[in-house]
Amino acid sequence: MTVLTDRFTRAVDYARIAHAGQVRKGSSIPYLYHLLAVASLVLEFGGDEDQAIAGLLHDVVEDCGETHLAIVRAQFGERVAEIVAACTDGTAEGKQAHTDPDAKRRDWLARKQAYLAHLAEAPDHVLLVSACDKLHNARAIVQDLENPHVGTRVFERFTGGREGTLWYYTALSDGLGDRQVRPAPVLRQVVGRMHALAGVPSHPTSGR
């Protein structure tokens, strides 16, 4: 059984403060909701406290700035910082450097391709946190696809659009499945549902 200590409580507060004012795409839901959900999934799939804390903090560099990584390392330890860094596919500063839509799209594609290549070599304790993050995001997309007031317009929120988003989640599902990460079978089912609701046949490798 994973025991949660005051480190976890402090991490919740750190995430709350760091992401204050941020909301989930296309909603007014505080971003903390996603971070708590990822940490919960990490625990559900057998993760330890370090991994659960990393689940809470996995987006702090990407969304709040690269200076947070040193603070995370100092407050929560090297292993948590390693996982957070490994779950980051770009910094807030780097994303803000691209304002032109075409440049943003090229940057998005390059970051996603690099992240997929990274997952093939990442250690298991990193993969669990990454898989839980992607699973919660995929479930949120499916929930919006099932909502008649949103539907396929959900893809307008994402830089990759419908085609890019479906490609990325299929590739994630395949890559995490190849590594036999515990949440991978659930992610594969959710991604299949995403394709069906989007009206796009699943990639041939997504049913492996």
Protein backbone atom coordinates (compact mmCIF):
# COMPACT_ATOMS: atom_id res chain seq x y z
CA MET A 1 0.00 0.00 0.00
CA THR A 2 1.27 3.46 -0.91
CA VAL A 3 1.48 5.74 2.11
CA LEU A 4 0.98 9.45 1.47
CA THR A 5 2.78 11.87 3.75
CA ASP A 6 2.82 15.62 4.21
CA ARG A 7 5.03 15.79 1.07
CA PHE A 8 1.95 14.94 -0.98
CA THR A 9 -0.10 17.60 0.82
CA ARG A 10 2.62 20.17 0.15
CA ALA A 11 2.70 19.14 -3.50
CA VAL A 12 -1.06 19.71 -3.83
CA ASP A 13 -0.60 23.21 -2.45
CA TYR A 14 2.40 23.84 -4.71
CA ALA A 15 0.36 22.82 -7.76
CA ARG A 16 -2.62 24.91 -6.62
CA ILE A 17 -0.50 28.05 -6.31
CA ALA A 18 1.63 27.48 -9.42
CA HIS A 19 -1.38 26.87 -11.68
CA ALA A 20 -3.64 29.50 -10.06
CA GLY A 21 -5.84 31.13 -12.67
CA GLN A 22 -5.27 28.39 -15.25
CA VAL A 23 -8.22 26.36 -16.54
CA ARG A 24 -8.71 23.31 -18.72
CA LYS A 25 -8.97 24.00 -22.46
CA GLY A 26 -12.46 25.10 -23.45
CA SER A 27 -13.77 25.22 -19.90
CA SER A 28 -13.80 27.15 -16.65
CA ILE A 29 -12.60 24.11 -14.68
CA PRO A 30 -9.53 24.93 -12.55
CA TYR A 31 -6.44 23.23 -13.96
CA LEU A 32 -5.80 21.66 -10.58
CA TYR A 33 -8.62 19.25 -11.38
CA HIS A 34 -6.48 17.59 -14.06
CA LEU A 35 -3.44 17.37 -11.78
CA LEU A 36 -5.43 15.78 -8.97
CA ALA A 37 -6.94 13.34 -11.46
CA VAL A 38 -3.54 12.30 -12.79
CA ALA A 39 -2.20 11.76 -9.26
CA SER A 40 -5.30 9.67 -8.48
CA LEU A 41 -4.75 7.52 -11.57
CA VAL A 42 -1.10 7.04 -10.62
CA LEU A 43 -2.22 5.68 -7.25
CA GLU A 44 -4.96 3.58 -8.87
CA PHE A 45 -2.37 1.88 -11.09
CA GLY A 46 0.01 1.16 -8.22
CA GLY A 47 2.32 4.16 -8.21
CA ASP A 48 4.28 5.30 -5.17
CA GLU A 49 4.27 8.69 -3.45
CA ASP A 50 7.03 10.14 -5.61
CA GLN A 51 5.08 9.22 -8.73
CA ALA A 52 1.85 10.63 -7.31
CA ILE A 53 3.62 13.89 -6.45
CA ALA A 54 5.07 13.99 -9.96
CA GLY A 55 1.53 13.52 -11.25
CA LEU A 56 0.53 16.66 -9.38
CA LEU A 57 3.52 18.60 -10.71
CA HIS A 58 3.99 17.11 -14.18
CA ASP A 59 2.84 20.26 -16.00
CA VAL A 60 4.48 22.89 -13.81
CA VAL A 61 7.48 23.43 -16.11
CA GLU A 62 5.43 23.23 -19.30
CA ASP A 63 2.70 25.60 -18.15
CA CYS A 64 4.35 27.78 -15.50
CA GLY A 65 8.02 28.09 -16.46
CA GLU A 66 11.32 26.25 -16.32
CA THR A 67 12.43 27.90 -13.08
CA HIS A 68 10.01 25.59 -11.27
CA LEU A 69 12.14 22.50 -11.91
CA ALA A 70 14.89 23.54 -9.50
CA ILE A 71 12.28 24.37 -6.86
CA VAL A 72 10.60 21.00 -7.32
CA ARG A 73 13.96 19.28 -6.96
CA ALA A 74 14.74 21.20 -3.77
CA GLN A 75 11.34 20.66 -2.18
CA PHE A 76 10.39 17.18 -3.36
CA GLY A 77 13.61 15.44 -4.30
CA GLU A 78 15.61 14.32 -7.31
CA ARG A 79 13.32 11.44 -8.33
CA VAL A 80 10.22 13.66 -8.48
CA ALA A 81 12.15 16.27 -10.46
CA GLU A 82 13.39 13.58 -12.85
CA ILE A 83 9.84 12.41 -13.55
CA VAL A 84 8.53 15.95 -13.99
CA ALA A 85 11.35 16.76 -16.43
CA ALA A 86 10.75 13.53 -18.34
CA CYS A 87 7.00 14.26 -18.64
CA THR A 88 7.68 17.74 -20.06
CA ASP A 89 7.71 18.09 -23.85
CA GLY A 90 8.32 21.85 -23.85
CA THR A 91 8.59 24.82 -21.53
CA ALA A 92 6.15 27.68 -21.08
CA GLU A 93 8.85 30.02 -22.38
CA GLY A 94 9.46 27.90 -25.47
CA LYS A 95 5.78 27.72 -26.38
CA GLN A 96 5.35 31.48 -26.02
CA ALA A 97 8.16 32.04 -28.50
CA HIS A 98 5.93 30.83 -31.34
CA THR A 99 3.02 33.12 -32.23
CA ASP A 100 2.53 32.41 -35.93
CA PRO A 101 0.04 29.52 -36.44
CA ASP A 102 2.30 27.67 -38.87
CA ALA A 103 5.29 28.04 -36.55
CA LYS A 104 3.20 26.82 -33.61
CA ARG A 105 2.10 23.80 -35.63
CA ARG A 106 5.68 22.94 -36.64
CA ASP A 107 6.86 23.35 -33.06
CA TRP A 108 3.97 21.19 -31.81
CA LEU A 109 4.78 18.40 -34.26
CA ALA A 110 8.50 18.46 -33.45
CA ARG A 111 7.80 18.35 -29.70
CA LYS A 112 5.36 15.47 -30.03
CA GLN A 113 7.69 13.44 -32.24
CA ALA A 114 10.53 13.97 -29.78
CA TYR A 115 8.31 13.00 -26.85
CA LEU A 116 7.22 9.78 -28.54
CA ALA A 117 10.85 8.87 -29.22
CA HIS A 118 11.67 9.68 -25.60
CA LEU A 119 8.94 7.33 -24.30
CA ALA A 120 10.59 4.42 -26.05
CA GLU A 121 13.61 4.81 -23.76
CA ALA A 122 12.09 6.32 -20.59
CA PRO A 123 12.22 4.27 -17.36
CA ASP A 124 9.10 2.54 -16.10
CA HIS A 125 8.56 4.93 -13.19
CA VAL A 126 8.31 7.81 -15.66
CA LEU A 127 6.05 5.93 -18.07
CA LEU A 128 3.38 5.32 -15.44
CA VAL A 129 2.98 9.04 -14.76
CA SER A 130 3.01 9.90 -18.45
CA ALA A 131 0.42 7.22 -19.24
CA CYS A 132 -1.90 8.47 -16.49
CA ASP A 133 -1.61 12.02 -17.81
CA LYS A 134 -2.44 10.93 -21.36
CA LEU A 135 -5.28 8.69 -20.17
CA HIS A 136 -7.00 11.52 -18.32
CA ASN A 137 -6.57 13.87 -21.28
CA ALA A 138 -7.93 11.24 -23.69
CA ARG A 139 -10.95 10.64 -21.47
CA ALA A 140 -11.64 14.38 -21.40
CA ILE A 141 -11.57 14.53 -25.22
CA VAL A 142 -13.95 11.57 -25.46
CA GLN A 143 -16.28 13.18 -22.93
CA ASP A 144 -16.44 16.32 -25.07
CA LEU A 145 -16.92 14.27 -28.24
CA GLU A 146 -19.91 12.61 -26.57
CA ASN A 147 -21.34 16.01 -25.62
CA PRO A 148 -23.74 17.15 -28.38
CA HIS A 149 -22.92 20.77 -27.54
CA VAL A 150 -19.22 20.20 -28.30
CA GLY A 151 -18.67 17.13 -30.49
CA THR A 152 -15.85 17.25 -33.02
CA ARG A 153 -15.38 20.97 -32.38
CA VAL A 154 -13.27 19.84 -29.42
CA PHE A 155 -10.37 19.41 -31.83
CA GLU A 156 -10.37 23.14 -32.56
CA ARG A 157 -8.82 23.63 -29.12
CA PHE A 158 -5.69 21.72 -30.05
CA THR A 159 -2.75 22.90 -32.15
CA GLY A 160 -2.68 19.57 -33.96
CA GLY A 161 -6.36 19.76 -34.94
CA ARG A 162 -8.36 16.59 -35.44
CA GLU A 163 -5.83 14.76 -37.61
CA GLY A 164 -2.84 15.62 -35.46
CA THR A 165 -4.57 14.89 -32.18
CA LEU A 166 -5.80 11.48 -33.34
CA TRP A 167 -2.35 10.64 -34.70
CA TYR A 168 -0.67 11.63 -31.45
CA TYR A 169 -2.96 9.66 -29.16
CA THR A 170 -2.75 6.59 -31.39
CA ALA A 171 1.04 6.80 -31.32
CA LEU A 172 1.00 7.24 -27.54
CA SER A 173 -1.29 4.26 -27.14
CA ASP A 174 0.91 2.09 -29.32
CA GLY A 175 4.15 3.21 -27.69
CA LEU A 176 2.92 2.79 -24.13
CA GLY A 177 1.39 -0.55 -25.10
CA ASP A 178 4.72 -1.72 -26.46
CA ARG A 179 6.28 -0.87 -23.10
CA GLN A 180 3.45 -2.76 -21.30
CA VAL A 181 2.62 0.15 -19.00
CA ARG A 182 -0.27 -0.78 -16.73
CA PRO A 183 -2.74 1.91 -17.94
CA ALA A 184 -1.97 1.15 -21.62
CA PRO A 185 -4.91 -1.24 -22.27
CA VAL A 186 -7.35 1.30 -20.87
CA LEU A 187 -5.77 4.08 -22.93
CA ARG A 188 -6.07 1.93 -26.05
CA GLN A 189 -9.82 1.49 -25.46
CA VAL A 190 -10.31 5.22 -24.90
CA VAL A 191 -8.33 6.12 -28.03
CA GLY A 192 -10.41 3.66 -30.05
CA ARG A 193 -13.55 5.36 -28.77
CA MET A 194 -12.03 8.74 -29.67
CA HIS A 195 -11.52 7.62 -33.26
CA ALA A 196 -15.04 6.23 -33.51
CA LEU A 197 -16.63 9.44 -32.23
CA ALA A 198 -14.42 11.52 -34.51
CA GLY A 199 -15.57 9.47 -37.51
CA VAL A 200 -12.00 8.46 -38.39
CA PRO A 201 -10.97 4.78 -38.62
CA SER A 202 -8.35 3.75 -36.10
CA HIS A 203 -4.74 3.56 -37.27
CA PRO A 204 -3.95 -0.06 -38.19
CA THR A 205 -1.40 -0.40 -35.40
CA SER A 206 -3.84 0.79 -32.72
CA GLY A 207 -5.42 -2.65 -32.48
CA ARG A 208 -2.22 -4.57 -31.91
